[in-house]
Protein backbone atom coordinates (compact mmCIF):
# COMPACT_ATOMS: atom_id res chain seq x y z
CA MET A 1 -10.96 -41.65 -51.02
CA SER A 2 -12.55 -38.78 -53.21
CA VAL A 3 -15.90 -39.35 -51.72
CA GLY A 4 -15.10 -39.93 -48.01
CA ARG A 5 -13.18 -36.88 -47.64
CA PRO A 6 -16.11 -34.53 -48.77
CA THR A 7 -18.21 -35.87 -46.42
CA ARG A 8 -15.84 -35.63 -43.64
CA LEU A 9 -15.31 -32.09 -44.41
CA PHE A 10 -19.17 -31.47 -44.49
CA LYS A 11 -19.79 -33.13 -41.04
CA ILE A 12 -16.80 -30.78 -39.72
CA ALA A 13 -18.23 -27.84 -41.24
CA GLY A 14 -21.72 -28.81 -40.08
CA ALA A 15 -20.44 -29.11 -36.29
CA ALA A 16 -18.52 -25.80 -36.37
CA GLY A 17 -21.69 -24.11 -37.82
CA ALA A 18 -23.93 -25.90 -34.99
CA VAL A 19 -21.52 -24.53 -32.50
CA ALA A 20 -21.56 -20.76 -33.80
CA ALA A 21 -25.28 -21.15 -33.91
CA LEU A 22 -25.30 -22.02 -30.22
CA LEU A 23 -23.14 -19.25 -29.27
CA SER A 24 -25.10 -17.11 -31.19
CA GLY A 25 -28.15 -17.70 -29.29
CA CYS A 26 -26.71 -16.57 -26.19
CA MET A 27 -26.73 -12.95 -27.50
CA SER A 28 -29.41 -10.67 -29.68
CA THR A 29 -29.31 -7.66 -31.27
CA GLY A 30 -32.78 -6.49 -30.21
CA ALA A 31 -32.60 -5.18 -26.32
CA GLY A 32 -34.98 -7.04 -23.50
CA SER A 33 -37.31 -5.85 -21.41
CA ASP A 34 -34.72 -4.88 -18.95
CA GLY A 35 -32.86 -2.68 -21.44
CA ARG A 36 -29.81 -4.40 -22.01
CA TYR A 37 -28.60 -6.99 -24.89
CA ALA A 38 -26.82 -9.23 -22.38
CA ALA A 39 -26.51 -9.81 -18.79
CA PRO A 40 -23.06 -9.42 -17.47
CA ILE A 41 -21.30 -12.30 -16.02
CA GLY A 42 -19.81 -12.83 -12.64
CA ASN A 43 -21.32 -12.22 -9.22
CA ALA A 44 -18.41 -11.79 -6.86
CA PRO A 45 -19.29 -9.17 -3.97
CA VAL A 46 -17.70 -6.04 -2.94
CA THR A 47 -15.06 -6.98 -0.21
CA ALA A 48 -12.30 -5.14 1.77
CA ASN A 49 -9.16 -4.39 0.25
CA PRO A 50 -6.77 -5.04 3.03
CA THR A 51 -2.96 -5.60 3.08
CA PRO A 52 -0.93 -7.65 5.15
CA TYR A 53 -0.23 -4.20 6.80
CA SER A 54 -3.75 -2.99 7.31
CA ALA A 55 -3.92 -4.77 10.61
CA ALA A 56 -1.02 -2.98 11.86
CA LEU A 57 -2.60 0.50 11.03
CA VAL A 58 -5.64 -0.48 12.72
CA CYS A 59 -3.57 -1.83 15.77
CA MET A 60 -1.95 1.73 15.65
CA ALA A 61 -4.94 3.59 16.01
CA ASP A 62 -5.81 1.48 18.90
CA TYR A 63 -2.80 2.29 20.69
CA ALA A 64 -3.19 5.90 20.04
CA ARG A 65 -6.83 5.85 21.54
CA ARG A 66 -5.66 3.57 24.70
CA TYR A 67 -3.06 6.04 25.80
CA SER A 68 -4.96 9.08 24.68
CA LEU A 69 -2.38 10.13 22.24
CA PRO A 70 -3.43 13.28 19.99
CA SER A 71 -2.87 12.80 16.44
CA PRO A 72 -1.37 15.89 14.60
CA ARG A 73 -3.47 16.97 11.54
CA MET A 74 -2.08 15.23 8.65
CA ALA A 75 -2.27 16.09 4.89
CA VAL A 76 -1.38 14.07 1.62
CA GLY A 77 0.21 15.53 -1.17
CA ARG A 78 1.28 14.31 -4.48
CA ILE A 79 2.49 10.85 -4.75
CA ALA A 80 3.45 10.40 -8.38
CA ASP A 81 4.41 7.75 -10.46
CA TYR A 82 7.75 8.70 -11.50
CA THR A 83 8.64 5.40 -13.38
CA GLY A 84 7.39 6.45 -16.54
CA THR A 85 6.15 2.87 -17.29
CA VAL A 86 3.44 2.28 -20.01
CA SER A 87 1.49 -1.06 -20.57
CA ALA A 88 0.92 -2.83 -23.75
CA ASP A 89 -2.13 -0.84 -24.35
CA GLY A 90 -0.92 2.36 -23.82
CA GLY A 91 -2.14 2.91 -20.24
CA ARG A 92 -0.23 3.11 -17.20
CA GLN A 93 1.28 0.34 -16.00
CA VAL A 94 1.44 1.61 -12.30
CA THR A 95 -1.04 3.22 -10.70
CA GLY A 96 -1.74 7.21 -10.44
CA GLY A 97 -3.74 7.09 -7.24
CA ALA A 98 -0.99 6.40 -4.42
CA SER A 99 -2.29 9.56 -2.96
CA LEU A 100 -5.71 8.20 -2.44
CA MET A 101 -4.09 4.98 -0.70
CA ALA A 102 -2.01 7.09 1.52
CA MET A 103 -5.23 9.05 2.65
CA THR A 104 -6.94 5.77 3.25
CA ALA A 105 -3.94 4.64 5.04
CA LEU A 106 -4.02 7.40 7.56
CA ALA A 107 -7.48 6.60 8.23
CA LYS A 108 -6.87 3.27 9.07
CA ALA A 109 -4.19 4.26 11.65
CA GLY A 110 -6.46 7.07 13.21
CA ALA A 111 -4.90 9.91 11.88
CA ARG A 112 -6.69 13.20 12.04
CA GLN A 113 -6.65 14.63 8.21
CA VAL A 114 -7.17 17.96 6.35
CA GLU A 115 -7.84 17.77 2.57
CA ARG A 116 -5.10 19.31 0.60
CA TYR A 117 -5.00 17.05 -2.73
CA ASP A 118 -8.13 18.35 -4.18
CA THR A 119 -9.69 21.42 -3.02
CA SER A 120 -11.52 22.56 -6.05
CA VAL A 121 -14.85 22.42 -4.46
CA SER A 122 -13.76 24.19 -1.48
CA GLU A 123 -12.10 26.91 -3.44
CA MET A 124 -15.37 27.57 -5.33
CA GLU A 125 -17.61 27.63 -2.33
CA LEU A 126 -14.92 30.22 -1.05
CA ARG A 127 -15.37 32.24 -4.25
CA TYR A 128 -19.25 32.10 -4.12
CA ALA A 129 -19.52 32.94 -0.64
CA ASN A 130 -17.25 35.83 -0.88
CA ASN A 131 -19.92 36.97 -3.54
CA ARG A 132 -22.62 36.44 -1.33
CA LEU A 133 -23.92 33.62 -3.82
CA ILE A 134 -24.26 30.99 -1.02
CA GLY A 135 -26.82 31.18 1.70
CA ASP A 136 -27.64 29.20 4.70
CA GLU A 137 -30.72 28.91 6.81
CA GLY A 138 -31.00 31.20 9.63
CA ALA A 139 -32.73 30.69 13.13
CA GLY A 140 -36.12 31.50 11.39
CA GLY A 141 -36.01 28.34 9.20
CA ALA A 142 -36.18 28.39 5.34
CA GLU A 143 -37.54 31.97 5.26
CA ASP A 144 -34.47 33.31 6.91
CA ILE A 145 -32.04 32.79 4.44
CA GLN A 146 -28.28 34.48 5.40
CA TYR A 147 -25.63 34.56 3.04
CA ARG A 148 -22.63 32.67 4.23
CA ARG A 149 -19.95 34.75 5.93
CA ILE A 150 -16.48 33.91 5.65
CA ILE A 151 -14.62 33.86 9.21
CA ALA A 152 -10.98 34.15 9.38
CA GLY A 153 -9.22 31.25 10.81
CA SER A 154 -12.05 28.70 10.27
CA VAL A 155 -9.69 26.42 8.20
CA PRO A 156 -7.41 24.35 10.27
CA GLY A 157 -4.17 24.08 9.08
CA SER A 158 -1.91 20.79 8.86
CA ASP A 159 1.17 19.92 10.88
CA PHE A 160 2.67 17.44 8.54
CA TYR A 161 1.90 16.00 5.22
CA ILE A 162 3.09 13.19 3.14
CA VAL A 163 4.68 13.38 -0.56
CA GLY A 164 6.86 11.38 -2.58
CA GLY A 165 6.28 8.99 -5.51
CA ILE A 166 6.73 5.49 -7.03
CA THR A 167 10.25 5.41 -8.10
CA GLU A 168 11.35 1.94 -9.55
CA VAL A 169 9.62 -0.76 -11.44
CA ASN A 170 12.32 -3.38 -12.60
CA TYR A 171 10.78 -5.90 -14.56
CA ASN A 172 13.03 -8.98 -14.97
CA ILE A 173 15.08 -9.36 -11.57
CA ARG A 174 15.19 -13.06 -12.44
CA SER A 175 13.08 -15.40 -14.91
CA GLY A 176 13.47 -19.02 -15.57
CA GLY A 177 11.06 -21.76 -17.29
CA PHE A 178 11.11 -25.04 -19.07
CA ASP A 179 9.56 -26.28 -22.35
CA VAL A 180 9.22 -30.05 -22.70
CA ALA A 181 8.01 -31.65 -26.29
CA GLY A 182 7.88 -35.16 -27.25
CA GLY A 183 6.13 -37.19 -29.97
CA GLN A 184 6.05 -40.25 -32.42
CA THR A 185 7.80 -40.66 -35.63
CA THR A 186 4.59 -43.03 -37.02
CA GLU A 187 2.27 -42.06 -39.75
CA THR A 188 -0.01 -40.51 -37.37
CA PRO A 189 2.07 -38.90 -34.81
CA LEU A 190 1.14 -37.99 -31.43
CA SER A 191 2.99 -34.78 -29.89
CA VAL A 192 2.69 -33.83 -26.26
CA ALA A 193 4.08 -30.49 -24.87
CA VAL A 194 4.55 -29.13 -21.34
CA ALA A 195 5.79 -25.45 -20.65
CA GLY A 196 6.38 -23.32 -17.67
CA LYS A 197 7.64 -20.18 -16.66
CA LEU A 198 8.22 -17.76 -13.93
CA PHE A 199 9.41 -14.36 -13.31
CA VAL A 200 10.02 -11.80 -10.53
CA MET A 201 9.91 -8.12 -10.79
CA ASN A 202 9.46 -5.45 -8.11
CA ILE A 203 8.73 -2.04 -7.56
CA ALA A 204 9.47 0.66 -5.02
CA ILE A 205 8.62 4.15 -3.41
CA ASP A 206 10.21 7.10 -1.57
CA LEU A 207 7.82 9.07 0.74
CA ARG A 208 8.94 12.08 2.89
CA LEU A 209 7.04 13.26 6.01
CA VAL A 210 7.27 17.17 6.24
CA GLN A 211 6.41 19.43 9.03
CA THR A 212 4.11 22.00 7.42
CA THR A 213 5.06 25.16 9.30
CA THR A 214 8.88 24.83 8.86
CA LEU A 215 9.16 22.49 5.34
CA GLU A 216 11.41 20.41 7.56
CA VAL A 217 11.74 16.72 6.28
CA VAL A 218 11.21 15.06 9.71
CA ASP A 219 10.86 11.38 8.24
CA VAL A 220 12.05 9.61 5.10
CA VAL A 221 11.21 5.94 3.80
CA SER A 222 12.19 3.86 1.06
CA TYR A 223 10.47 0.34 0.60
CA GLN A 224 10.53 -1.62 -2.27
CA LYS A 225 8.50 -5.04 -3.13
CA GLN A 226 8.95 -7.94 -5.35
CA ILE A 227 6.25 -9.18 -7.34
CA ILE A 228 6.09 -12.90 -8.73
CA GLY A 229 4.48 -14.32 -11.95
CA ARG A 230 3.91 -17.59 -13.34
CA GLU A 231 2.87 -19.11 -16.46
CA VAL A 232 2.00 -23.17 -17.04
CA SER A 233 0.55 -24.87 -20.18
CA ALA A 234 0.11 -28.21 -21.77
CA GLY A 235 -0.80 -29.20 -25.25
CA VAL A 236 -1.41 -32.59 -27.48
CA PHE A 237 -1.01 -32.57 -31.08
CA ASP A 238 -2.05 -35.39 -33.35
CA PHE A 239 -3.48 -36.78 -36.44
CA LEU A 240 -6.34 -39.15 -36.11
CA ASP A 241 -7.84 -40.56 -39.39
CA GLY A 242 -6.81 -37.63 -41.65
CA ASN A 243 -7.85 -34.96 -39.24
CA VAL A 244 -5.77 -32.44 -37.01
CA PHE A 245 -6.39 -32.42 -33.24
CA ASP A 246 -4.49 -29.52 -31.70
CA ILE A 247 -5.50 -29.09 -27.73
CA SER A 248 -3.93 -27.20 -25.18
CA ALA A 249 -4.54 -25.68 -22.03
CA GLY A 250 -2.47 -23.20 -19.47
CA GLU A 251 -3.13 -21.07 -16.50
CA GLY A 252 -1.23 -17.92 -15.61
CA ALA A 253 -1.06 -15.55 -12.49
CA LEU A 254 0.69 -12.36 -11.77
CA GLU A 255 0.73 -10.90 -8.33
CA PRO A 256 -1.40 -7.62 -8.37
CA VAL A 257 1.07 -4.94 -9.12
CA GLN A 258 -1.18 -2.15 -7.62
CA LEU A 259 -1.95 -4.19 -4.42
CA ALA A 260 1.77 -3.96 -4.17
CA VAL A 261 1.83 -0.34 -4.44
CA ARG A 262 -0.79 -0.33 -1.54
CA SER A 263 1.38 -2.46 0.56
CA LEU A 264 4.29 -0.23 0.29
CA ILE A 265 2.08 2.82 1.13
CA GLU A 266 0.43 1.21 4.12
CA ARG A 267 4.17 0.00 5.51
CA ALA A 268 5.46 3.36 5.04
CA THR A 269 2.43 5.03 6.94
CA VAL A 270 2.47 2.62 10.06
CA GLU A 271 6.26 3.46 10.20
CA PHE A 272 5.19 7.37 10.24
CA MET A 273 2.46 7.33 12.25
CA ALA A 274 4.56 5.13 14.65
CA ASN A 275 7.05 7.76 14.63
CA LEU A 276 4.49 10.57 15.35
CA TYR A 277 2.66 8.63 18.31
CA GLY A 278 6.05 7.90 19.86
CA ALA A 279 5.48 4.06 19.33
CA PRO A 280 8.47 1.93 19.76
CA GLY A 281 7.51 -0.44 17.50
CA PRO A 282 5.34 -3.95 16.79
CA GLU A 283 5.25 -4.38 20.83
CA VAL A 284 2.56 -2.07 21.14
CA CYS A 285 0.43 -4.55 19.66
CA LEU A 286 1.74 -7.25 21.28
CA GLN A 287 0.13 -9.13 24.49
CA ALA A 288 3.44 -10.03 25.90
CA GLY A 289 5.09 -6.78 25.38
CA ARG A 290 8.21 -7.85 23.73
CA ASP A 291 9.37 -7.20 20.22
CA PRO A 292 11.34 -10.12 18.73
CA LEU A 293 12.16 -7.89 15.79
CA ALA A 294 13.99 -5.30 18.14
CA GLY A 295 17.60 -4.49 16.98
CA THR A 296 17.54 -4.55 13.17
CA VAL A 297 19.43 -1.59 11.70
CA SER A 298 17.51 0.77 9.45
CA ILE A 299 18.56 0.96 5.88
CA THR A 300 15.34 2.52 4.39
CA GLY A 301 16.41 5.93 4.37
CA GLY A 302 17.11 9.05 6.51
CA TYR A 303 15.31 9.52 9.99
CA TYR A 304 14.70 12.44 11.97
CA PRO A 305 12.42 12.22 14.99
CA ALA A 306 9.27 14.23 14.60
CA TYR A 307 8.99 14.48 18.38
CA PRO A 308 11.81 14.40 21.22
CA ASN A 309 11.50 10.41 21.51
CA THR A 310 14.65 9.16 20.17
CA ASP A 311 15.02 6.62 22.93
CA THR A 312 11.78 4.96 22.14
CA ASN A 313 11.42 5.68 18.51
CA ASN A 314 10.65 2.93 15.83
CA GLY A 315 13.60 4.31 13.64
CA GLN A 316 16.32 1.39 14.23
CA THR A 317 13.79 -1.76 13.48
CA ARG A 318 11.78 -0.55 10.34
CA ALA A 319 13.80 -2.19 7.76
CA ASP A 320 13.05 -6.10 8.83
CA PRO A 321 10.72 -7.41 6.19
CA SER A 322 8.58 -9.19 8.68
CA ARG A 323 8.18 -6.35 10.76
CA TRP A 324 3.96 -5.28 10.95
CA ASN A 325 3.03 -7.94 8.23
CA ASP A 326 0.01 -9.91 9.78
CA SER A 327 1.21 -13.13 8.02
CA ARG A 328 4.80 -13.21 8.88
CA ASP A 329 4.96 -11.54 12.40
CA GLY A 330 3.32 -14.09 14.38
CA ASP A 331 3.13 -11.95 17.48
CA LEU A 332 1.19 -9.38 15.59
CA ARG A 333 -1.40 -11.77 14.68
CA ARG A 334 -2.25 -12.11 18.26
CA SER A 335 -2.93 -8.50 18.69
CA ARG A 336 -6.53 -6.86 19.37
CA TYR A 337 -7.62 -5.11 16.24
């Protein structure tokens, strides 16, 4: 026995060394001819980043073009994260780019936009032009350089702007799981363990649509979205001929938090634009011209019509969770987009 055990230990150590040598062969301390130590893994292509409400935004743009509905000039202000949540590694738990998501959503809806979020380049060029430091080619070509003139009224103003914030992150609305283990009581016991966990969290936003010239809040939307996560694992623990084997495997998934924020932004934007275009609701995207979701009372926040369209506006139906969702509203999927 005293001879066999060192032999087994030597074999195990040799096998571990061989695996380590194999792994180290994949890396090098010297850069290759392409200037890299190692090639990155993964080859997934760049794809579009839609949400279940992107189709409704595009449909809203088609509706406006079909009936020649002019879009007011829209701007986006600060849509900040007011939850104060921090992840385990010290970074933000919730995206700080909600304002950028809102600009993309407005573009999908066919809205005319003016930049108000980051005007640093325009302000610098304005200062340079004011000091006659910026020149543009005149009618005579490159030899005819004229300084850029500042013309009063050349910058169009906005009619409405969107502001607000991410106001809620609730981590453990409900959770549950199981953990089952069993084994033998012999000299070489075999143990098996299976575990699973499921939890639900949510995130919420509050957005305002403000008329720029009067600072009147003409529309308010408050939405929340629940997010689900899961973990499943299984393992085997055994002693075999004096050796210990511990084998386990698992799988986990969390619905993307930032994609949930984008979904909230796009759902709110489609409701804002439906109001501004005077659209009654999802039926503008239906072939048959009917809205199976009509009649739901809104509980999403205060509503004030931006235009005198109270009889046909979308204010009374926006609380339905299936409204505008391309995977939940069967009629919307038949729309032209």
